[in-house]
C-alpha atoms as a PDB file:
ATOM      1  CA  MET A   1      57.468 -14.288  80.926  1.00  0.00           C
ATOM      2  CA  LYS A   2      60.940 -15.038  82.053  1.00  0.00           C
ATOM      3  CA  PHE A   3      63.926 -14.869  80.025  1.00  0.00           C
ATOM      4  CA  PHE A   4      66.734 -17.457  80.205  1.00  0.00           C
ATOM      5  CA  ALA A   5      69.890 -17.106  78.301  1.00  0.00           C
ATOM      6  CA  ASP A   6      70.776 -20.083  76.185  1.00  0.00           C
ATOM      7  CA  THR A   7      74.533 -19.966  76.366  1.00  0.00           C
ATOM      8  CA  ALA A   8      77.741 -20.945  78.100  1.00  0.00           C
ATOM      9  CA  ASP A   9      79.373 -17.533  77.561  1.00  0.00           C
ATOM     10  CA  VAL A  10      79.927 -15.953  80.928  1.00  0.00           C
ATOM     11  CA  ALA A  11      80.574 -12.560  79.297  1.00  0.00           C
ATOM     12  CA  ALA A  12      77.496 -12.613  77.371  1.00  0.00           C
ATOM     13  CA  ILE A  13      75.389 -13.625  80.532  1.00  0.00           C
ATOM     14  CA  GLY A  14      76.869 -10.673  82.470  1.00  0.00           C
ATOM     15  CA  GLU A  15      75.987  -8.234  79.901  1.00  0.00           C
ATOM     16  CA  LEU A  16      72.246  -9.291  79.792  1.00  0.00           C
ATOM     17  CA  ASP A  17      71.980  -9.374  83.538  1.00  0.00           C
ATOM     18  CA  ALA A  18      73.297  -5.786  83.776  1.00  0.00           C
ATOM     19  CA  LEU A  19      70.235  -5.027  81.684  1.00  0.00           C
ATOM     20  CA  GLY A  20      67.943  -6.846  83.992  1.00  0.00           C
ATOM     21  CA  LEU A  21      67.138  -9.421  81.127  1.00  0.00           C
ATOM     22  CA  VAL A  22      68.372 -12.780  82.650  1.00  0.00           C
ATOM     23  CA  ASP A  23      66.068 -14.770  84.957  1.00  0.00           C
ATOM     24  CA  GLY A  24      68.056 -17.790  84.349  1.00  0.00           C
ATOM     25  CA  VAL A  25      70.565 -19.620  82.081  1.00  0.00           C
ATOM     26  CA  THR A  26      70.257 -22.946  80.146  1.00  0.00           C
ATOM     27  CA  THR A  27      73.317 -24.679  78.808  1.00  0.00           C
ATOM     28  CA  ASN A  28      74.044 -28.107  77.178  1.00  0.00           C
ATOM     29  CA  PRO A  29      77.259 -30.083  76.083  1.00  0.00           C
ATOM     30  CA  SER A  30      77.317 -28.135  72.639  1.00  0.00           C
ATOM     31  CA  LEU A  31      77.413 -24.830  74.231  1.00  0.00           C
ATOM     32  CA  VAL A  32      80.022 -25.633  76.661  1.00  0.00           C
ATOM     33  CA  LYS A  33      82.179 -27.121  73.943  1.00  0.00           C
ATOM     34  CA  LYS A  34      81.616 -23.749  72.209  1.00  0.00           C
ATOM     35  CA  SER A  35      83.053 -22.018  75.140  1.00  0.00           C
ATOM     36  CA  GLY A  36      86.072 -23.838  75.300  1.00  0.00           C
ATOM     37  CA  ARG A  37      86.110 -24.179  78.864  1.00  0.00           C
ATOM     38  CA  ASP A  38      86.086 -27.028  81.626  1.00  0.00           C
ATOM     39  CA  PHE A  39      82.261 -27.960  82.151  1.00  0.00           C
ATOM     40  CA  ARG A  40      82.206 -27.877  85.926  1.00  0.00           C
ATOM     41  CA  GLU A  41      84.193 -24.707  85.915  1.00  0.00           C
ATOM     42  CA  VAL A  42      81.760 -22.937  83.620  1.00  0.00           C
ATOM     43  CA  ILE A  43      78.674 -24.099  85.507  1.00  0.00           C
ATOM     44  CA  THR A  44      80.226 -23.026  88.859  1.00  0.00           C
ATOM     45  CA  GLU A  45      81.003 -19.455  87.223  1.00  0.00           C
ATOM     46  CA  ILE A  46      77.493 -19.060  86.016  1.00  0.00           C
ATOM     47  CA  CYS A  47      75.901 -20.099  89.242  1.00  0.00           C
ATOM     48  CA  GLY A  48      77.807 -17.663  90.989  1.00  0.00           C
ATOM     49  CA  LEU A  49      76.968 -14.764  88.423  1.00  0.00           C
ATOM     50  CA  ILE A  50      73.346 -14.879  88.538  1.00  0.00           C
ATOM     51  CA  ASP A  51      70.594 -15.867  91.371  1.00  0.00           C
ATOM     52  CA  GLY A  52      68.380 -17.759  88.787  1.00  0.00           C
ATOM     53  CA  PRO A  53      68.237 -21.397  87.961  1.00  0.00           C
ATOM     54  CA  VAL A  54      71.117 -22.775  85.772  1.00  0.00           C
ATOM     55  CA  SER A  55      70.360 -25.853  83.683  1.00  0.00           C
ATOM     56  CA  ALA A  56      73.347 -28.282  83.431  1.00  0.00           C
ATOM     57  CA  GLU A  57      72.942 -31.580  81.391  1.00  0.00           C
ATOM     58  CA  VAL A  58      73.634 -35.139  82.312  1.00  0.00           C
ATOM     59  CA  LEU A  59      75.633 -37.074  79.929  1.00  0.00           C
ATOM     60  CA  ALA A  60      74.216 -40.347  80.584  1.00  0.00           C
ATOM     61  CA  VAL A  61      71.473 -42.319  79.013  1.00  0.00           C
ATOM     62  CA  GLU A  62      70.674 -44.997  81.608  1.00  0.00           C
ATOM     63  CA  ALA A  63      68.695 -43.817  84.684  1.00  0.00           C
ATOM     64  CA  GLU A  64      70.806 -45.063  87.304  1.00  0.00           C
ATOM     65  CA  THR A  65      73.956 -43.150  85.891  1.00  0.00           C
ATOM     66  CA  MET A  66      71.728 -40.008  85.144  1.00  0.00           C
ATOM     67  CA  ILE A  67      70.936 -39.917  88.682  1.00  0.00           C
ATOM     68  CA  SER A  68      74.546 -40.442  89.824  1.00  0.00           C
ATOM     69  CA  GLU A  69      75.529 -37.556  87.440  1.00  0.00           C
ATOM     70  CA  GLY A  70      72.638 -35.342  88.216  1.00  0.00           C
ATOM     71  CA  ARG A  71      73.431 -35.482  92.132  1.00  0.00           C
ATOM     72  CA  LYS A  72      77.039 -34.344  91.359  1.00  0.00           C
ATOM     73  CA  LEU A  73      75.733 -31.424  89.179  1.00  0.00           C
ATOM     74  CA  ALA A  74      73.093 -30.347  91.787  1.00  0.00           C
ATOM     75  CA  ALA A  75      75.946 -30.314  94.543  1.00  0.00           C
ATOM     76  CA  ILE A  76      77.920 -27.667  92.409  1.00  0.00           C
ATOM     77  CA  ALA A  77      75.416 -24.894  93.492  1.00  0.00           C
ATOM     78  CA  ASP A  78      71.973 -24.302  94.954  1.00  0.00           C
ATOM     79  CA  ASN A  79      70.589 -22.860  91.642  1.00  0.00           C
ATOM     80  CA  VAL A  80      71.683 -25.712  89.437  1.00  0.00           C
ATOM     81  CA  VAL A  81      68.871 -27.369  87.611  1.00  0.00           C
ATOM     82  CA  VAL A  82      69.577 -30.876  86.308  1.00  0.00           C
ATOM     83  CA  LYS A  83      68.677 -31.321  82.677  1.00  0.00           C
ATOM     84  CA  LEU A  84      67.615 -34.666  81.541  1.00  0.00           C
ATOM     85  CA  PRO A  85      66.468 -35.982  78.148  1.00  0.00           C
ATOM     86  CA  LEU A  86      62.942 -36.827  77.661  1.00  0.00           C
ATOM     87  CA  THR A  87      63.303 -40.575  77.393  1.00  0.00           C
ATOM     88  CA  LEU A  88      61.941 -43.276  79.894  1.00  0.00           C
ATOM     89  CA  ASP A  89      65.168 -43.445  81.465  1.00  0.00           C
ATOM     90  CA  GLY A  90      65.074 -39.595  81.699  1.00  0.00           C
ATOM     91  CA  LEU A  91      61.558 -39.630  83.146  1.00  0.00           C
ATOM     92  CA  LYS A  92      62.811 -42.181  85.710  1.00  0.00           C
ATOM     93  CA  ALA A  93      65.569 -39.964  86.747  1.00  0.00           C
ATOM     94  CA  CYS A  94      63.079 -36.887  86.788  1.00  0.00           C
ATOM     95  CA  ARG A  95      60.825 -38.803  89.443  1.00  0.00           C
ATOM     96  CA  THR A  96      63.877 -39.433  91.736  1.00  0.00           C
ATOM     97  CA  PHE A  97      65.001 -35.945  91.694  1.00  0.00           C
ATOM     98  CA  SER A  98      61.318 -34.558  92.106  1.00  0.00           C
ATOM     99  CA  ASN A  99      61.117 -37.012  95.328  1.00  0.00           C
ATOM    100  CA  GLU A 100      64.524 -35.537  96.416  1.00  0.00           C
ATOM    101  CA  GLY A 101      63.819 -31.918  95.962  1.00  0.00           C
ATOM    102  CA  ILE A 102      66.114 -31.400  93.079  1.00  0.00           C
ATOM    103  CA  ALA A 103      65.045 -29.207  90.149  1.00  0.00           C
ATOM    104  CA  THR A 104      64.854 -30.681  86.706  1.00  0.00           C
ATOM    105  CA  ASN A 105      64.591 -29.474  83.219  1.00  0.00           C
ATOM    106  CA  VAL A 106      63.379 -32.163  80.784  1.00  0.00           C
ATOM    107  CA  THR A 107      64.516 -31.332  77.243  1.00  0.00           C
ATOM    108  CA  LEU A 108      64.147 -32.477  73.738  1.00  0.00           C
ATOM    109  CA  CYS A 109      60.475 -32.299  74.052  1.00  0.00           C
ATOM    110  CA  PHE A 110      58.742 -32.520  70.722  1.00  0.00           C
ATOM    111  CA  SER A 111      54.963 -33.467  71.494  1.00  0.00           C
ATOM    112  CA  ALA A 112      52.213 -32.637  73.788  1.00  0.00           C
ATOM    113  CA  ASN A 113      52.087 -36.341  75.090  1.00  0.00           C
ATOM    114  CA  GLN A 114      55.940 -36.320  76.019  1.00  0.00           C
ATOM    115  CA  ALA A 115      55.217 -32.982  77.908  1.00  0.00           C
ATOM    116  CA  LEU A 116      52.468 -34.659  79.845  1.00  0.00           C
ATOM    117  CA  LEU A 117      54.506 -37.430  80.923  1.00  0.00           C
ATOM    118  CA  ALA A 118      57.362 -35.015  82.037  1.00  0.00           C
ATOM    119  CA  ALA A 119      54.574 -33.139  84.162  1.00  0.00           C
ATOM    120  CA  LYS A 120      53.537 -36.379  85.577  1.00  0.00           C
ATOM    121  CA  ALA A 121      57.098 -37.516  86.396  1.00  0.00           C
ATOM    122  CA  GLY A 122      57.380 -34.032  88.407  1.00  0.00           C
ATOM    123  CA  ALA A 123      59.698 -32.038  86.203  1.00  0.00           C
ATOM    124  CA  THR A 124      60.422 -28.332  87.137  1.00  0.00           C
ATOM    125  CA  TYR A 125      60.431 -27.215  83.560  1.00  0.00           C
ATOM    126  CA  ILE A 126      59.884 -28.826  80.236  1.00  0.00           C
ATOM    127  CA  SER A 127      61.823 -27.686  77.037  1.00  0.00           C
ATOM    128  CA  PRO A 128      60.147 -28.051  73.567  1.00  0.00           C
ATOM    129  CA  PHE A 129      62.276 -27.268  70.801  1.00  0.00           C
ATOM    130  CA  ILE A 130      60.569 -24.774  68.481  1.00  0.00           C
ATOM    131  CA  GLY A 131      63.151 -24.019  65.967  1.00  0.00           C
ATOM    132  CA  ARG A 132      63.756 -27.681  65.328  1.00  0.00           C
ATOM    133  CA  LEU A 133      60.068 -28.344  64.484  1.00  0.00           C
ATOM    134  CA  ASP A 134      60.164 -25.692  62.351  1.00  0.00           C
ATOM    135  CA  ASP A 135      62.973 -27.005  60.480  1.00  0.00           C
ATOM    136  CA  ILE A 136      60.973 -30.092  59.409  1.00  0.00           C
ATOM    137  CA  ASN A 137      58.095 -27.919  58.493  1.00  0.00           C
ATOM    138  CA  VAL A 138      55.929 -28.616  61.870  1.00  0.00           C
ATOM    139  CA  ASP A 139      54.535 -25.692  63.615  1.00  0.00           C
ATOM    140  CA  GLY A 140      56.660 -25.218  66.914  1.00  0.00           C
ATOM    141  CA  ILE A 141      54.499 -22.363  68.210  1.00  0.00           C
ATOM    142  CA  GLN A 142      51.290 -24.764  67.780  1.00  0.00           C
ATOM    143  CA  LEU A 143      53.100 -27.268  70.210  1.00  0.00           C
ATOM    144  CA  ILE A 144      53.530 -24.491  72.956  1.00  0.00           C
ATOM    145  CA  GLU A 145      49.872 -23.775  72.559  1.00  0.00           C
ATOM    146  CA  GLN A 146      48.985 -27.676  72.875  1.00  0.00           C
ATOM    147  CA  ILE A 147      51.217 -28.052  75.970  1.00  0.00           C
ATOM    148  CA  ARG A 148      49.881 -24.748  77.615  1.00  0.00           C
ATOM    149  CA  THR A 149      46.358 -26.261  77.372  1.00  0.00           C
ATOM    150  CA  VAL A 150      47.264 -29.651  78.709  1.00  0.00           C
ATOM    151  CA  TYR A 151      49.182 -28.069  81.633  1.00  0.00           C
ATOM    152  CA  ASP A 152      46.195 -25.658  82.319  1.00  0.00           C
ATOM    153  CA  ASN A 153      43.548 -28.293  82.012  1.00  0.00           C
ATOM    154  CA  TYR A 154      45.238 -30.436  85.198  1.00  0.00           C
ATOM    155  CA  ALA A 155      46.858 -27.507  86.927  1.00  0.00           C
ATOM    156  CA  PHE A 156      50.511 -29.116  86.582  1.00  0.00           C
ATOM    157  CA  LYS A 157      52.929 -27.014  88.285  1.00  0.00           C
ATOM    158  CA  THR A 158      55.663 -27.952  85.598  1.00  0.00           C
ATOM    159  CA  GLU A 159      56.798 -24.438  83.801  1.00  0.00           C
ATOM    160  CA  LEU A 160      56.792 -24.510  80.245  1.00  0.00           C
ATOM    161  CA  LEU A 161      60.220 -23.263  78.940  1.00  0.00           C
ATOM    162  CA  ALA A 162      59.997 -22.774  75.060  1.00  0.00           C
ATOM    163  CA  ALA A 163      63.718 -23.556  73.609  1.00  0.00           C
ATOM    164  CA  SER A 164      65.427 -23.640  70.390  1.00  0.00           C
ATOM    165  CA  ILE A 165      64.399 -20.158  69.903  1.00  0.00           C
ATOM    166  CA  ARG A 166      65.797 -18.688  66.635  1.00  0.00           C
ATOM    167  CA  ASN A 167      64.237 -15.231  66.243  1.00  0.00           C
ATOM    168  CA  PRO A 168      62.282 -12.351  67.766  1.00  0.00           C
ATOM    169  CA  LEU A 169      58.992 -13.720  66.117  1.00  0.00           C
ATOM    170  CA  HIS A 170      59.290 -17.031  68.189  1.00  0.00           C
ATOM    171  CA  VAL A 171      59.727 -15.002  71.434  1.00  0.00           C
ATOM    172  CA  GLN A 172      56.526 -12.642  70.639  1.00  0.00           C
ATOM    173  CA  SER A 173      54.505 -15.931  69.783  1.00  0.00           C
ATOM    174  CA  CYS A 174      55.495 -17.840  72.877  1.00  0.00           C
ATOM    175  CA  ALA A 175      54.492 -14.743  75.069  1.00  0.00           C
ATOM    176  CA  LEU A 176      51.122 -14.502  73.254  1.00  0.00           C
ATOM    177  CA  VAL A 177      50.468 -18.196  73.795  1.00  0.00           C
ATOM    178  CA  GLY A 178      51.522 -18.180  77.479  1.00  0.00           C
ATOM    179  CA  ALA A 179      55.050 -19.686  77.619  1.00  0.00           C
ATOM    180  CA  ASP A 180      56.188 -19.288  81.210  1.00  0.00           C
ATOM    181  CA  VAL A 181      59.735 -18.913  79.862  1.00  0.00           C
ATOM    182  CA  VAL A 182      61.842 -18.520  76.669  1.00  0.00           C
ATOM    183  CA  THR A 183      65.313 -19.503  76.526  1.00  0.00           C
ATOM    184  CA  ALA A 184      67.156 -17.834  73.627  1.00  0.00           C
ATOM    185  CA  PRO A 185      70.720 -16.877  72.609  1.00  0.00           C
ATOM    186  CA  PRO A 186      71.828 -13.382  73.993  1.00  0.00           C
ATOM    187  CA  SER A 187      71.922 -12.159  70.396  1.00  0.00           C
ATOM    188  CA  VAL A 188      68.191 -12.907  69.948  1.00  0.00           C
ATOM    189  CA  ILE A 189      67.320 -11.516  73.228  1.00  0.00           C
ATOM    190  CA  LYS A 190      69.059  -8.251  72.416  1.00  0.00           C
ATOM    191  CA  THR A 191      67.501  -7.982  68.935  1.00  0.00           C
ATOM    192  CA  LEU A 192      64.034  -7.539  70.659  1.00  0.00           C
ATOM    193  CA  ALA A 193      65.023  -4.025  71.383  1.00  0.00           C
ATOM    194  CA  ASN A 194      65.345  -3.267  67.644  1.00  0.00           C
ATOM    195  CA  HIS A 195      62.836  -1.332  65.458  1.00  0.00           C
ATOM    196  CA  VAL A 196      63.631   0.772  62.595  1.00  0.00           C
ATOM    197  CA  LEU A 197      60.944   3.560  63.682  1.00  0.00           C
ATOM    198  CA  THR A 198      62.943   3.696  66.949  1.00  0.00           C
ATOM    199  CA  ASP A 199      66.167   4.405  65.344  1.00  0.00           C
ATOM    200  CA  LYS A 200      64.463   6.764  62.861  1.00  0.00           C
ATOM    201  CA  GLY A 201      62.639   8.807  65.706  1.00  0.00           C
ATOM    202  CA  LEU A 202      65.628   9.099  67.696  1.00  0.00           C
ATOM    203  CA  ALA A 203      67.817  10.376  64.839  1.00  0.00           C
ATOM    204  CA  THR A 204      65.122  13.041  64.191  1.00  0.00           C
ATOM    205  CA  PHE A 205      64.948  13.976  67.915  1.00  0.00           C
ATOM    206  CA  LEU A 206      68.811  14.334  68.118  1.00  0.00           C
ATOM    207  CA  ALA A 207      69.061  16.411  64.805  1.00  0.00           C
ATOM    208  CA  ASP A 208      66.238  18.828  66.110  1.00  0.00           C
ATOM    209  CA  ALA A 209      68.037  19.385  69.584  1.00  0.00           C
ATOM    210  CA  LYS A 210      71.227  19.872  67.918  1.00  0.00           C
ATOM    211  CA  SER A 211      69.761  22.550  65.515  1.00  0.00           C
ATOM    212  CA  ALA A 212      67.780  24.283  68.156  1.00  0.00           C
ATOM    213  CA  LYS A 213      71.000  24.260  70.417  1.00  0.00           C
ATOM    214  CA  ILE A 214      68.987  22.383  73.369  1.00  0.00           C
ATOM    215  CA  SER A 215      71.290  20.861  76.144  1.00  0.00           C
ATOM    216  CA  VAL A 216      70.322  19.370  79.326  1.00  0.00           C
END
């Protein structure tokens, strides 16, 4: 399973990349706003930092303007993925970009039917939002399972990118049901390494080494 960092924080991306834990990056207007930086500037810097796909979102709601904005975004770097909302206009833009060979990430997916439409429109990635479904007492992981079944039934090439990841359990559950990618905040990705028994065992080993005066 691939890990995408869901952030516009270049320093955090670089830290994860040094650990080999970044296969790509997803951004959105809210994350760029949080960074306090110019939109095109931060996308350009991220694309130069990593080789993997970097999702950059259009701001338009009508297909023709989405297409215009998406072409501008795709021109920033070869690894830009144009992020589109899962609306009929977004799907129309997705089909255009698919025909032009421009990678797309169709976002704000909340049902298997929506994911089916995105795949038929030629989306490179589909982004179902797990955490936002959990917030309204709907099982987000069940949606990942449903989309996985639909895509496997028809051999769709669209990659299943689980988004709105809130905690390590979300990551584990996505891996178990076969998500191709999870995109998560760097803080969540780093917590995957944590376990109380790891910390306890390391403390014991270090104490024993010290008392036995062991050195390397």
